[in-house]
Amino acid sequence: MDEQKIPLPPWLPWATTACLAALVACLGELWILERARMRLMQEQVLLANAALKGAENQLEAERILDRREHAMERGEDMSSFPRPQGRAPPTQAWDPHGGSWSGNRGACGRS
């Protein structure tokens, strides 16, 4: 029973081992590349989320300023609107008859 039916060349086990080693090396390289690609995609998602949040914040700020301007044009009470952080509160008044601003507009540099 220990007798071989097909004679095998003596180098066949070494060739098989070399082929398996090459296969493992290729699979390892693919695994490393996919991990790097996954990290890159995760970073892109984080950057996209940050850009989206920035755009949402800018839109919300523009909405608040727009509502505030319309309320000031109509002469409504401004106490319900949030005050900008890091700036002096504006002391201004809209003259509906003259169509211009009067007073100090705060620390934003416009008057």
N, C-alpha and C. Protein backbone atom coordinates (compact mmCIF):
# COMPACT_ATOMS: atom_id res chain seq x y z
N MET A 1 0.80 -1.19 0.00
CA MET A 1 0.00 0.00 0.00
C MET A 1 0.84 1.27 0.00
N ASP A 2 2.04 1.18 0.45
CA ASP A 2 2.91 2.35 0.45
C ASP A 2 3.51 2.61 -0.92
N GLU A 3 3.18 1.82 -1.82
CA GLU A 3 3.73 1.95 -3.15
C GLU A 3 3.00 3.04 -3.92
N GLN A 4 3.74 3.97 -4.59
CA GLN A 4 3.13 5.03 -5.38
C GLN A 4 2.70 4.49 -6.73
N LYS A 5 1.51 4.90 -7.13
CA LYS A 5 1.01 4.45 -8.42
C LYS A 5 1.50 5.36 -9.53
N ILE A 6 1.62 6.69 -9.23
CA ILE A 6 2.13 7.64 -10.21
C ILE A 6 3.44 8.18 -9.66
N PRO A 7 4.48 8.09 -10.39
CA PRO A 7 5.75 8.63 -9.89
C PRO A 7 5.72 10.16 -9.92
N LEU A 8 6.02 10.80 -8.79
CA LEU A 8 6.03 12.26 -8.68
C LEU A 8 7.46 12.76 -8.74
N PRO A 9 7.67 13.89 -9.38
CA PRO A 9 9.02 14.45 -9.39
C PRO A 9 9.38 14.93 -7.99
N PRO A 10 10.62 14.89 -7.63
CA PRO A 10 11.03 15.27 -6.27
C PRO A 10 10.85 16.77 -5.98
N TRP A 11 10.76 17.60 -6.99
CA TRP A 11 10.60 19.05 -6.77
C TRP A 11 9.15 19.48 -6.61
N LEU A 12 8.19 18.61 -6.78
CA LEU A 12 6.77 18.96 -6.74
C LEU A 12 6.34 19.53 -5.38
N PRO A 13 6.74 18.97 -4.25
CA PRO A 13 6.34 19.58 -2.97
C PRO A 13 6.89 21.00 -2.82
N TRP A 14 8.09 21.25 -3.29
CA TRP A 14 8.68 22.59 -3.19
C TRP A 14 7.94 23.57 -4.11
N ALA A 15 7.56 23.11 -5.27
CA ALA A 15 6.83 23.97 -6.20
C ALA A 15 5.45 24.31 -5.64
N THR A 16 4.80 23.35 -5.02
CA THR A 16 3.49 23.58 -4.39
C THR A 16 3.63 24.58 -3.26
N THR A 17 4.66 24.42 -2.45
CA THR A 17 4.89 25.34 -1.34
C THR A 17 5.15 26.75 -1.87
N ALA A 18 5.93 26.86 -2.93
CA ALA A 18 6.22 28.18 -3.50
C ALA A 18 4.96 28.83 -4.05
N CYS A 19 4.12 28.05 -4.70
CA CYS A 19 2.85 28.59 -5.23
C CYS A 19 1.94 29.06 -4.10
N LEU A 20 1.85 28.28 -3.05
CA LEU A 20 1.02 28.68 -1.90
C LEU A 20 1.57 29.94 -1.24
N ALA A 21 2.90 30.03 -1.14
CA ALA A 21 3.52 31.23 -0.56
C ALA A 21 3.22 32.47 -1.41
N ALA A 22 3.29 32.33 -2.72
CA ALA A 22 2.97 33.45 -3.62
C ALA A 22 1.50 33.85 -3.48
N LEU A 23 0.62 32.88 -3.37
CA LEU A 23 -0.80 33.16 -3.18
C LEU A 23 -1.05 33.89 -1.88
N VAL A 24 -0.42 33.45 -0.81
CA VAL A 24 -0.58 34.12 0.49
C VAL A 24 -0.05 35.54 0.42
N ALA A 25 1.09 35.75 -0.27
CA ALA A 25 1.64 37.10 -0.42
C ALA A 25 0.68 38.00 -1.19
N CYS A 26 0.10 37.49 -2.26
CA CYS A 26 -0.86 38.30 -3.03
C CYS A 26 -2.11 38.63 -2.21
N LEU A 27 -2.62 37.66 -1.49
CA LEU A 27 -3.80 37.91 -0.65
C LEU A 27 -3.48 38.90 0.47
N GLY A 28 -2.30 38.80 1.03
CA GLY A 28 -1.88 39.75 2.06
C GLY A 28 -1.79 41.16 1.51
N GLU A 29 -1.25 41.29 0.31
CA GLU A 29 -1.15 42.62 -0.31
C GLU A 29 -2.54 43.18 -0.59
N LEU A 30 -3.45 42.36 -1.09
CA LEU A 30 -4.82 42.82 -1.33
C LEU A 30 -5.50 43.24 -0.03
N TRP A 31 -5.25 42.50 1.03
CA TRP A 31 -5.85 42.84 2.34
C TRP A 31 -5.33 44.18 2.82
N ILE A 32 -4.03 44.43 2.68
CA ILE A 32 -3.44 45.71 3.11
C ILE A 32 -4.00 46.85 2.26
N LEU A 33 -4.11 46.64 0.94
CA LEU A 33 -4.66 47.67 0.07
C LEU A 33 -6.11 48.00 0.42
N GLU A 34 -6.90 46.98 0.69
CA GLU A 34 -8.31 47.20 1.04
C GLU A 34 -8.45 47.92 2.38
N ARG A 35 -7.58 47.60 3.32
CA ARG A 35 -7.62 48.32 4.61
C ARG A 35 -7.28 49.79 4.41
N ALA A 36 -6.28 50.07 3.57
CA ALA A 36 -5.92 51.47 3.29
C ALA A 36 -7.06 52.18 2.57
N ARG A 37 -7.70 51.51 1.63
CA ARG A 37 -8.83 52.09 0.91
C ARG A 37 -10.00 52.36 1.87
N MET A 38 -10.22 51.43 2.80
CA MET A 38 -11.29 51.62 3.77
C MET A 38 -11.01 52.84 4.66
N ARG A 39 -9.75 52.98 5.11
CA ARG A 39 -9.40 54.15 5.93
C ARG A 39 -9.60 55.44 5.16
N LEU A 40 -9.21 55.44 3.89
CA LEU A 40 -9.37 56.62 3.05
C LEU A 40 -10.85 56.97 2.91
N MET A 41 -11.68 55.97 2.69
CA MET A 41 -13.12 56.23 2.57
C MET A 41 -13.71 56.74 3.88
N GLN A 42 -13.25 56.20 5.00
CA GLN A 42 -13.73 56.69 6.30
C GLN A 42 -13.35 58.15 6.49
N GLU A 43 -12.13 58.52 6.10
CA GLU A 43 -11.71 59.92 6.22
C GLU A 43 -12.52 60.80 5.29
N GLN A 44 -12.82 60.32 4.09
CA GLN A 44 -13.64 61.09 3.18
C GLN A 44 -15.05 61.30 3.72
N VAL A 45 -15.58 60.28 4.37
CA VAL A 45 -16.91 60.42 4.98
C VAL A 45 -16.87 61.46 6.10
N LEU A 46 -15.81 61.42 6.92
CA LEU A 46 -15.69 62.41 7.99
C LEU A 46 -15.58 63.83 7.42
N LEU A 47 -14.79 63.99 6.36
CA LEU A 47 -14.67 65.31 5.74
C LEU A 47 -15.99 65.77 5.12
N ALA A 48 -16.69 64.84 4.49
CA ALA A 48 -17.99 65.19 3.90
C ALA A 48 -18.99 65.57 4.98
N ASN A 49 -18.98 64.85 6.10
CA ASN A 49 -19.88 65.18 7.21
C ASN A 49 -19.54 66.54 7.79
N ALA A 50 -18.25 66.85 7.91
CA ALA A 50 -17.85 68.15 8.43
C ALA A 50 -18.28 69.27 7.48
N ALA A 51 -18.11 69.05 6.18
CA ALA A 51 -18.53 70.05 5.20
C ALA A 51 -20.05 70.23 5.23
N LEU A 52 -20.78 69.13 5.37
CA LEU A 52 -22.24 69.20 5.45
C LEU A 52 -22.67 69.96 6.68
N LYS A 53 -22.04 69.67 7.81
CA LYS A 53 -22.40 70.37 9.06
C LYS A 53 -22.09 71.86 8.93
N GLY A 54 -20.95 72.19 8.31
CA GLY A 54 -20.62 73.60 8.11
C GLY A 54 -21.65 74.30 7.23
N ALA A 55 -22.08 73.63 6.16
CA ALA A 55 -23.10 74.22 5.28
C ALA A 55 -24.43 74.38 6.02
N GLU A 56 -24.79 73.38 6.82
CA GLU A 56 -26.03 73.49 7.60
C GLU A 56 -25.96 74.64 8.58
N ASN A 57 -24.80 74.79 9.24
CA ASN A 57 -24.64 75.89 10.19
C ASN A 57 -24.71 77.24 9.48
N GLN A 58 -24.09 77.34 8.30
CA GLN A 58 -24.12 78.59 7.56
C GLN A 58 -25.55 78.92 7.13
N LEU A 59 -26.29 77.92 6.65
CA LEU A 59 -27.68 78.16 6.26
C LEU A 59 -28.52 78.61 7.45
N GLU A 60 -28.32 77.97 8.59
CA GLU A 60 -29.07 78.35 9.79
C GLU A 60 -28.73 79.77 10.22
N ALA A 61 -27.44 80.13 10.14
CA ALA A 61 -27.04 81.49 10.49
C ALA A 61 -27.67 82.49 9.53
N GLU A 62 -27.70 82.16 8.24
CA GLU A 62 -28.32 83.06 7.27
C GLU A 62 -29.81 83.19 7.52
N ARG A 63 -30.46 82.10 7.89
CA ARG A 63 -31.90 82.17 8.21
C ARG A 63 -32.15 83.07 9.42
N ILE A 64 -31.32 82.92 10.45
CA ILE A 64 -31.49 83.74 11.66
C ILE A 64 -31.29 85.21 11.32
N LEU A 65 -30.24 85.51 10.55
CA LEU A 65 -29.99 86.90 10.19
C LEU A 65 -31.11 87.45 9.32
N ASP A 66 -31.63 86.63 8.41
CA ASP A 66 -32.72 87.07 7.55
C ASP A 66 -33.97 87.36 8.38
N ARG A 67 -34.30 86.44 9.30
CA ARG A 67 -35.47 86.68 10.16
C ARG A 67 -35.28 87.92 11.01
N ARG A 68 -34.05 88.10 11.52
CA ARG A 68 -33.77 89.27 12.35
C ARG A 68 -33.93 90.54 11.54
N GLU A 69 -33.39 90.56 10.32
CA GLU A 69 -33.52 91.76 9.48
C GLU A 69 -34.98 92.07 9.18
N HIS A 70 -35.76 91.04 8.85
CA HIS A 70 -37.18 91.27 8.57
C HIS A 70 -37.91 91.76 9.82
N ALA A 71 -37.57 91.20 10.96
CA ALA A 71 -38.22 91.64 12.20
C ALA A 71 -37.84 93.09 12.51
N MET A 72 -36.58 93.44 12.26
CA MET A 72 -36.16 94.81 12.53
C MET A 72 -36.85 95.77 11.56
N GLU A 73 -37.05 95.35 10.31
CA GLU A 73 -37.75 96.20 9.34
C GLU A 73 -39.20 96.43 9.75
N ARG A 74 -39.80 95.43 10.36
CA ARG A 74 -41.19 95.55 10.81
C ARG A 74 -41.29 96.18 12.19
N GLY A 75 -40.15 96.42 12.84
CA GLY A 75 -40.15 97.06 14.16
C GLY A 75 -40.57 96.13 15.28
N GLU A 76 -40.34 94.83 15.12
CA GLU A 76 -40.72 93.87 16.16
C GLU A 76 -39.70 93.85 17.29
N ASP A 77 -40.11 93.24 18.41
CA ASP A 77 -39.24 93.08 19.57
C ASP A 77 -38.13 92.09 19.22
N MET A 78 -36.88 92.46 19.48
CA MET A 78 -35.73 91.64 19.12
C MET A 78 -35.26 90.73 20.25
N SER A 79 -35.94 90.74 21.39
CA SER A 79 -35.45 89.95 22.54
C SER A 79 -35.59 88.45 22.31
N SER A 80 -36.43 88.01 21.38
CA SER A 80 -36.61 86.58 21.16
C SER A 80 -35.53 85.98 20.25
N PHE A 81 -34.74 86.82 19.60
CA PHE A 81 -33.70 86.32 18.70
C PHE A 81 -32.40 86.10 19.47
N PRO A 82 -31.67 85.03 19.15
CA PRO A 82 -30.38 84.81 19.83
C PRO A 82 -29.38 85.87 19.42
N ARG A 83 -28.58 86.27 20.41
CA ARG A 83 -27.55 87.28 20.14
C ARG A 83 -26.30 86.59 19.61
N PRO A 84 -25.58 87.23 18.70
CA PRO A 84 -24.33 86.65 18.21
C PRO A 84 -23.31 86.55 19.33
N GLN A 85 -22.56 85.48 19.35
CA GLN A 85 -21.55 85.29 20.38
C GLN A 85 -20.27 86.01 19.98
N GLY A 86 -19.61 86.63 20.96
CA GLY A 86 -18.32 87.24 20.72
C GLY A 86 -18.39 88.64 20.13
N ARG A 87 -19.57 89.21 20.04
CA ARG A 87 -19.70 90.56 19.52
C ARG A 87 -20.55 91.37 20.48
N ALA A 88 -20.38 92.66 20.41
CA ALA A 88 -21.20 93.54 21.22
C ALA A 88 -22.62 93.54 20.65
N PRO A 89 -23.63 93.63 21.51
CA PRO A 89 -25.00 93.64 21.00
C PRO A 89 -25.22 94.89 20.14
N PRO A 90 -25.88 94.74 19.03
CA PRO A 90 -26.10 95.89 18.16
C PRO A 90 -27.07 96.89 18.77
N THR A 91 -26.76 98.15 18.62
CA THR A 91 -27.66 99.22 19.06
C THR A 91 -27.99 100.01 17.81
N GLN A 92 -28.98 99.56 17.10
CA GLN A 92 -29.33 100.17 15.83
C GLN A 92 -30.84 100.25 15.71
N ALA A 93 -31.27 101.08 14.85
CA ALA A 93 -32.70 101.21 14.62
C ALA A 93 -32.93 101.47 13.14
N TRP A 94 -33.99 100.88 12.63
CA TRP A 94 -34.35 101.08 11.24
C TRP A 94 -35.38 102.20 11.17
N ASP A 95 -35.06 103.15 10.37
CA ASP A 95 -35.99 104.26 10.17
C ASP A 95 -36.84 103.93 8.95
N PRO A 96 -38.10 103.46 9.14
CA PRO A 96 -38.91 103.06 8.00
C PRO A 96 -39.25 104.23 7.07
N HIS A 97 -39.29 105.45 7.61
CA HIS A 97 -39.64 106.59 6.76
C HIS A 97 -38.44 107.06 5.96
N GLY A 98 -37.26 107.03 6.58
CA GLY A 98 -36.05 107.47 5.89
C GLY A 98 -35.39 106.35 5.12
N GLY A 99 -35.71 105.10 5.45
CA GLY A 99 -35.14 103.95 4.76
C GLY A 99 -33.67 103.74 5.04
N SER A 100 -33.21 104.07 6.25
CA SER A 100 -31.80 103.89 6.56
C SER A 100 -31.63 103.44 8.00
N TRP A 101 -30.42 102.98 8.31
CA TRP A 101 -30.09 102.56 9.66
C TRP A 101 -29.57 103.77 10.43
N SER A 102 -29.86 103.79 11.71
CA SER A 102 -29.30 104.81 12.57
C SER A 102 -28.70 104.16 13.79
N GLY A 103 -27.66 104.75 14.32
CA GLY A 103 -27.04 104.22 15.53
C GLY A 103 -25.86 103.33 15.21
N ASN A 104 -25.34 102.70 16.27
CA ASN A 104 -24.18 101.82 16.17
C ASN A 104 -24.65 100.43 15.80
N ARG A 105 -24.04 99.81 14.81
CA ARG A 105 -24.44 98.46 14.40
C ARG A 105 -23.62 97.40 15.08
N GLY A 106 -22.94 97.71 16.17
CA GLY A 106 -22.17 96.71 16.90
C GLY A 106 -20.74 96.65 16.44
N ALA A 107 -20.06 95.55 16.80
CA ALA A 107 -18.63 95.41 16.56
C ALA A 107 -18.32 94.77 15.22
N CYS A 108 -19.27 94.68 14.34
CA CYS A 108 -19.00 94.02 13.08
C CYS A 108 -18.34 94.94 12.07
N GLY A 109 -18.19 96.22 12.39
CA GLY A 109 -17.45 97.13 11.52
C GLY A 109 -18.31 97.87 10.52
N ARG A 110 -19.59 97.60 10.50
CA ARG A 110 -20.46 98.31 9.58
C ARG A 110 -21.21 99.39 10.34
N SER A 111 -21.44 100.50 9.70
CA SER A 111 -22.25 101.55 10.35
C SER A 111 -23.13 102.22 9.32
